[in-house]
C-alpha cells in the first residue's frame, strides 16, 4: 500500500507523544515520595525559581487554567507549603508565597527531578540534546500557522 502524505507526520507525532509520555512518567515518579502531583510540583517549582507570583502568572508559567491553579494552590495551602497574601491596595489581587516548609520540600523534590531528567536525557549525546531542543522549539513556535 503506498504511503499517504499524512503517514509521516502521523508516525512522527505518535513517536513524539509516546516518547514524551514515557519520559514524563519516569521523571515524575519521584514526586510520589513527596506526595505531590505534577501540577503541585509545577506550582512549587515556579515559585521556587521565580519568587512570589500571582495566580494568573503561575497559570501562565505552567500552562494551566487559572481555575485549575486555584484548586492546586488550595491544596498546597492546606499542606502549609504556600500562603496567599492579599495586596493592600487591591484586595482582589493575591500573591502566592512559598512557606519555609514549601521551600524545603521543593528544594528536595527539584534535586531528585533534575537528577532524573539528567539520567533520562543521557540517552542522547549533548549534540542530540541541543538538536532536540532546537526542533522542539521550532515545532512549538509554529503556533498552528499553515
C-alpha atoms as a PDB file:
ATOM      1  CA  UNK A   1       0.000   0.000   0.000  1.00  0.00           C
ATOM      2  CA  UNK A   2       1.520   3.364  -0.968  1.00  0.00           C
ATOM      3  CA  UNK A   3       2.204   5.905   1.756  1.00  0.00           C
ATOM      4  CA  UNK A   4      -0.212   8.787   2.065  1.00  0.00           C
ATOM      5  CA  UNK A   5       1.072  12.346   2.616  1.00  0.00           C
ATOM      6  CA  UNK A   6      -0.209  12.209   6.209  1.00  0.00           C
ATOM      7  CA  UNK A   7       1.605   8.973   7.123  1.00  0.00           C
ATOM      8  CA  UNK A   8       4.984  10.507   8.032  1.00  0.00           C
ATOM      9  CA  UNK A   9       3.554  13.389  10.114  1.00  0.00           C
ATOM     10  CA  UNK A  10       1.236  10.987  11.977  1.00  0.00           C
ATOM     11  CA  UNK A  11       4.016   8.480  12.664  1.00  0.00           C
ATOM     12  CA  UNK A  12       6.346  11.259  13.791  1.00  0.00           C
ATOM     13  CA  UNK A  13       3.688  12.760  16.061  1.00  0.00           C
ATOM     14  CA  UNK A  14       2.954   9.341  17.590  1.00  0.00           C
ATOM     15  CA  UNK A  15       6.659   8.786  18.321  1.00  0.00           C
ATOM     16  CA  UNK A  16       6.961  12.279  19.820  1.00  0.00           C
ATOM     17  CA  UNK A  17       3.947  11.793  22.084  1.00  0.00           C
ATOM     18  CA  UNK A  18       4.956   8.290  23.183  1.00  0.00           C
ATOM     19  CA  UNK A  19       8.474   9.437  23.995  1.00  0.00           C
ATOM     20  CA  UNK A  20       7.180  12.499  25.875  1.00  0.00           C
ATOM     21  CA  UNK A  21       4.645  10.472  27.880  1.00  0.00           C
ATOM     22  CA  UNK A  22       7.167   7.756  28.723  1.00  0.00           C
ATOM     23  CA  UNK A  23       9.908  10.160  29.796  1.00  0.00           C
ATOM     24  CA  UNK A  24       7.436  12.342  31.713  1.00  0.00           C
ATOM     25  CA  UNK A  25       6.143   9.303  33.585  1.00  0.00           C
ATOM     26  CA  UNK A  26       9.656   8.254  34.608  1.00  0.00           C
ATOM     27  CA  UNK A  27      10.729  11.799  35.500  1.00  0.00           C
ATOM     28  CA  UNK A  28       7.708  12.442  37.705  1.00  0.00           C
ATOM     29  CA  UNK A  29       7.830   9.097  39.526  1.00  0.00           C
ATOM     30  CA  UNK A  30       9.870  10.591  42.433  1.00  0.00           C
ATOM     31  CA  UNK A  31       7.035  13.061  43.116  1.00  0.00           C
ATOM     32  CA  UNK A  32       5.138  10.280  44.893  1.00  0.00           C
ATOM     33  CA  UNK A  33       7.880  10.271  47.545  1.00  0.00           C
ATOM     34  CA  UNK A  34       6.885  13.852  48.358  1.00  0.00           C
ATOM     35  CA  UNK A  35       3.137  13.269  47.952  1.00  0.00           C
ATOM     36  CA  UNK A  36       2.981  15.822  45.108  1.00  0.00           C
ATOM     37  CA  UNK A  37       1.039  15.851  41.869  1.00  0.00           C
ATOM     38  CA  UNK A  38       2.665  17.118  38.684  1.00  0.00           C
ATOM     39  CA  UNK A  39       0.615  20.326  38.916  1.00  0.00           C
ATOM     40  CA  UNK A  40       1.579  20.877  42.561  1.00  0.00           C
ATOM     41  CA  UNK A  41       5.245  20.337  41.737  1.00  0.00           C
ATOM     42  CA  UNK A  42       4.962  22.766  38.811  1.00  0.00           C
ATOM     43  CA  UNK A  43       3.467  25.492  41.033  1.00  0.00           C
ATOM     44  CA  UNK A  44       6.096  25.000  43.729  1.00  0.00           C
ATOM     45  CA  UNK A  45       8.885  24.932  41.137  1.00  0.00           C
ATOM     46  CA  UNK A  46       7.665  28.178  39.544  1.00  0.00           C
ATOM     47  CA  UNK A  47       7.608  29.903  42.948  1.00  0.00           C
ATOM     48  CA  UNK A  48      10.994  28.408  43.866  1.00  0.00           C
ATOM     49  CA  UNK A  49      12.709  29.728  40.741  1.00  0.00           C
ATOM     50  CA  UNK A  50      10.712  32.916  40.040  1.00  0.00           C
ATOM     51  CA  UNK A  51       9.802  34.057  43.535  1.00  0.00           C
ATOM     52  CA  UNK A  52       6.326  35.021  44.719  1.00  0.00           C
ATOM     53  CA  UNK A  53       3.760  35.320  41.914  1.00  0.00           C
ATOM     54  CA  UNK A  54       0.063  35.992  41.443  1.00  0.00           C
ATOM     55  CA  UNK A  55      -2.121  33.034  40.467  1.00  0.00           C
ATOM     56  CA  UNK A  56      -2.547  34.313  36.890  1.00  0.00           C
ATOM     57  CA  UNK A  57       1.231  34.438  36.396  1.00  0.00           C
ATOM     58  CA  UNK A  58       1.645  30.958  37.854  1.00  0.00           C
ATOM     59  CA  UNK A  59      -1.030  29.618  35.496  1.00  0.00           C
ATOM     60  CA  UNK A  60       0.710  31.222  32.500  1.00  0.00           C
ATOM     61  CA  UNK A  61       4.119  29.849  33.551  1.00  0.00           C
ATOM     62  CA  UNK A  62       2.915  26.261  33.871  1.00  0.00           C
ATOM     63  CA  UNK A  63       0.381  26.381  31.010  1.00  0.00           C
ATOM     64  CA  UNK A  64      -2.705  25.645  33.128  1.00  0.00           C
ATOM     65  CA  UNK A  65      -6.050  27.392  33.508  1.00  0.00           C
ATOM     66  CA  UNK A  66      -6.422  29.827  36.388  1.00  0.00           C
ATOM     67  CA  UNK A  67      -9.365  27.755  37.683  1.00  0.00           C
ATOM     68  CA  UNK A  68      -7.213  24.648  37.927  1.00  0.00           C
ATOM     69  CA  UNK A  69      -4.446  26.623  39.626  1.00  0.00           C
ATOM     70  CA  UNK A  70      -6.856  27.824  42.324  1.00  0.00           C
ATOM     71  CA  UNK A  71      -7.589  24.225  43.352  1.00  0.00           C
ATOM     72  CA  UNK A  72      -3.895  23.261  43.243  1.00  0.00           C
ATOM     73  CA  UNK A  73      -2.949  26.266  45.391  1.00  0.00           C
ATOM     74  CA  UNK A  74      -5.811  25.489  47.807  1.00  0.00           C
ATOM     75  CA  UNK A  75      -4.351  22.020  48.339  1.00  0.00           C
ATOM     76  CA  UNK A  76      -0.798  23.325  48.710  1.00  0.00           C
ATOM     77  CA  UNK A  77      -2.009  25.917  51.220  1.00  0.00           C
ATOM     78  CA  UNK A  78      -3.796  23.209  53.258  1.00  0.00           C
ATOM     79  CA  UNK A  79      -0.474  21.366  53.487  1.00  0.00           C
ATOM     80  CA  UNK A  80       1.288  24.549  54.635  1.00  0.00           C
ATOM     81  CA  UNK A  81       3.542  24.698  51.559  1.00  0.00           C
ATOM     82  CA  UNK A  82       2.322  28.070  50.263  1.00  0.00           C
ATOM     83  CA  UNK A  83       0.480  31.063  51.642  1.00  0.00           C
ATOM     84  CA  UNK A  84      -1.717  33.634  49.966  1.00  0.00           C
ATOM     85  CA  UNK A  85      -1.294  37.319  50.654  1.00  0.00           C
ATOM     86  CA  UNK A  86      -3.832  39.957  49.607  1.00  0.00           C
ATOM     87  CA  UNK A  87      -2.481  43.161  48.105  1.00  0.00           C
ATOM     88  CA  UNK A  88      -3.057  46.060  50.498  1.00  0.00           C
ATOM     89  CA  UNK A  89      -4.430  48.420  47.819  1.00  0.00           C
ATOM     90  CA  UNK A  90      -6.366  45.936  45.672  1.00  0.00           C
ATOM     91  CA  UNK A  91      -7.839  43.183  47.846  1.00  0.00           C
ATOM     92  CA  UNK A  92      -8.760  41.148  44.738  1.00  0.00           C
ATOM     93  CA  UNK A  93      -5.066  40.677  43.936  1.00  0.00           C
ATOM     94  CA  UNK A  94      -3.436  37.680  45.665  1.00  0.00           C
ATOM     95  CA  UNK A  95       0.271  36.922  45.735  1.00  0.00           C
ATOM     96  CA  UNK A  96       1.341  33.339  46.371  1.00  0.00           C
ATOM     97  CA  UNK A  97       4.450  32.776  48.504  1.00  0.00           C
ATOM     98  CA  UNK A  98       6.374  29.631  49.389  1.00  0.00           C
ATOM     99  CA  UNK A  99       6.470  28.868  53.096  1.00  0.00           C
ATOM    100  CA  UNK A 100       9.622  27.571  54.771  1.00  0.00           C
ATOM    101  CA  UNK A 101       8.157  24.060  54.575  1.00  0.00           C
ATOM    102  CA  UNK A 102       7.354  24.565  50.887  1.00  0.00           C
ATOM    103  CA  UNK A 103      10.848  25.795  50.134  1.00  0.00           C
ATOM    104  CA  UNK A 104      12.408  22.788  51.875  1.00  0.00           C
ATOM    105  CA  UNK A 105      10.122  20.344  50.075  1.00  0.00           C
ATOM    106  CA  UNK A 106      10.584  21.804  46.585  1.00  0.00           C
ATOM    107  CA  UNK A 107      14.357  22.023  47.026  1.00  0.00           C
ATOM    108  CA  UNK A 108      14.459  18.295  47.798  1.00  0.00           C
ATOM    109  CA  UNK A 109      11.960  17.331  45.091  1.00  0.00           C
ATOM    110  CA  UNK A 110      13.606  19.509  42.452  1.00  0.00           C
ATOM    111  CA  UNK A 111      17.018  17.968  43.150  1.00  0.00           C
ATOM    112  CA  UNK A 112      15.548  14.497  42.573  1.00  0.00           C
ATOM    113  CA  UNK A 113      13.673  15.549  39.432  1.00  0.00           C
ATOM    114  CA  UNK A 114      16.718  17.306  37.963  1.00  0.00           C
ATOM    115  CA  UNK A 115      18.826  14.178  38.524  1.00  0.00           C
ATOM    116  CA  UNK A 116      16.159  12.008  36.898  1.00  0.00           C
ATOM    117  CA  UNK A 117      15.924  14.358  33.908  1.00  0.00           C
ATOM    118  CA  UNK A 118      19.699  14.271  33.505  1.00  0.00           C
ATOM    119  CA  UNK A 119      19.609  10.486  33.608  1.00  0.00           C
ATOM    120  CA  UNK A 120      16.814  10.314  31.023  1.00  0.00           C
ATOM    121  CA  UNK A 121      18.486  12.784  28.681  1.00  0.00           C
ATOM    122  CA  UNK A 122      21.768  10.841  28.877  1.00  0.00           C
ATOM    123  CA  UNK A 123      20.245   8.560  26.212  1.00  0.00           C
ATOM    124  CA  UNK A 124      21.122  11.414  23.820  1.00  0.00           C
ATOM    125  CA  UNK A 125      24.503  12.964  23.182  1.00  0.00           C
ATOM    126  CA  UNK A 126      24.890  16.645  24.080  1.00  0.00           C
ATOM    127  CA  UNK A 127      24.643  17.469  20.360  1.00  0.00           C
ATOM    128  CA  UNK A 128      21.441  15.417  20.046  1.00  0.00           C
ATOM    129  CA  UNK A 129      20.004  17.168  23.113  1.00  0.00           C
ATOM    130  CA  UNK A 130      20.754  20.539  21.504  1.00  0.00           C
ATOM    131  CA  UNK A 131      19.180  19.419  18.222  1.00  0.00           C
ATOM    132  CA  UNK A 132      16.110  18.051  20.005  1.00  0.00           C
ATOM    133  CA  UNK A 133      15.723  21.329  21.888  1.00  0.00           C
ATOM    134  CA  UNK A 134      16.003  23.294  18.650  1.00  0.00           C
ATOM    135  CA  UNK A 135      13.463  21.072  16.874  1.00  0.00           C
ATOM    136  CA  UNK A 136      11.003  21.198  19.774  1.00  0.00           C
ATOM    137  CA  UNK A 137      11.258  24.973  19.915  1.00  0.00           C
ATOM    138  CA  UNK A 138      10.720  25.213  16.154  1.00  0.00           C
ATOM    139  CA  UNK A 139       7.684  22.949  16.357  1.00  0.00           C
ATOM    140  CA  UNK A 140       6.275  24.795  19.373  1.00  0.00           C
ATOM    141  CA  UNK A 141       6.717  28.219  17.791  1.00  0.00           C
ATOM    142  CA  UNK A 142       4.870  27.203  14.639  1.00  0.00           C
ATOM    143  CA  UNK A 143       1.762  28.131  16.603  1.00  0.00           C
ATOM    144  CA  UNK A 144      -0.731  26.472  14.290  1.00  0.00           C
ATOM    145  CA  UNK A 145       0.036  28.668  11.317  1.00  0.00           C
ATOM    146  CA  UNK A 146      -0.091  26.942   7.948  1.00  0.00           C
END
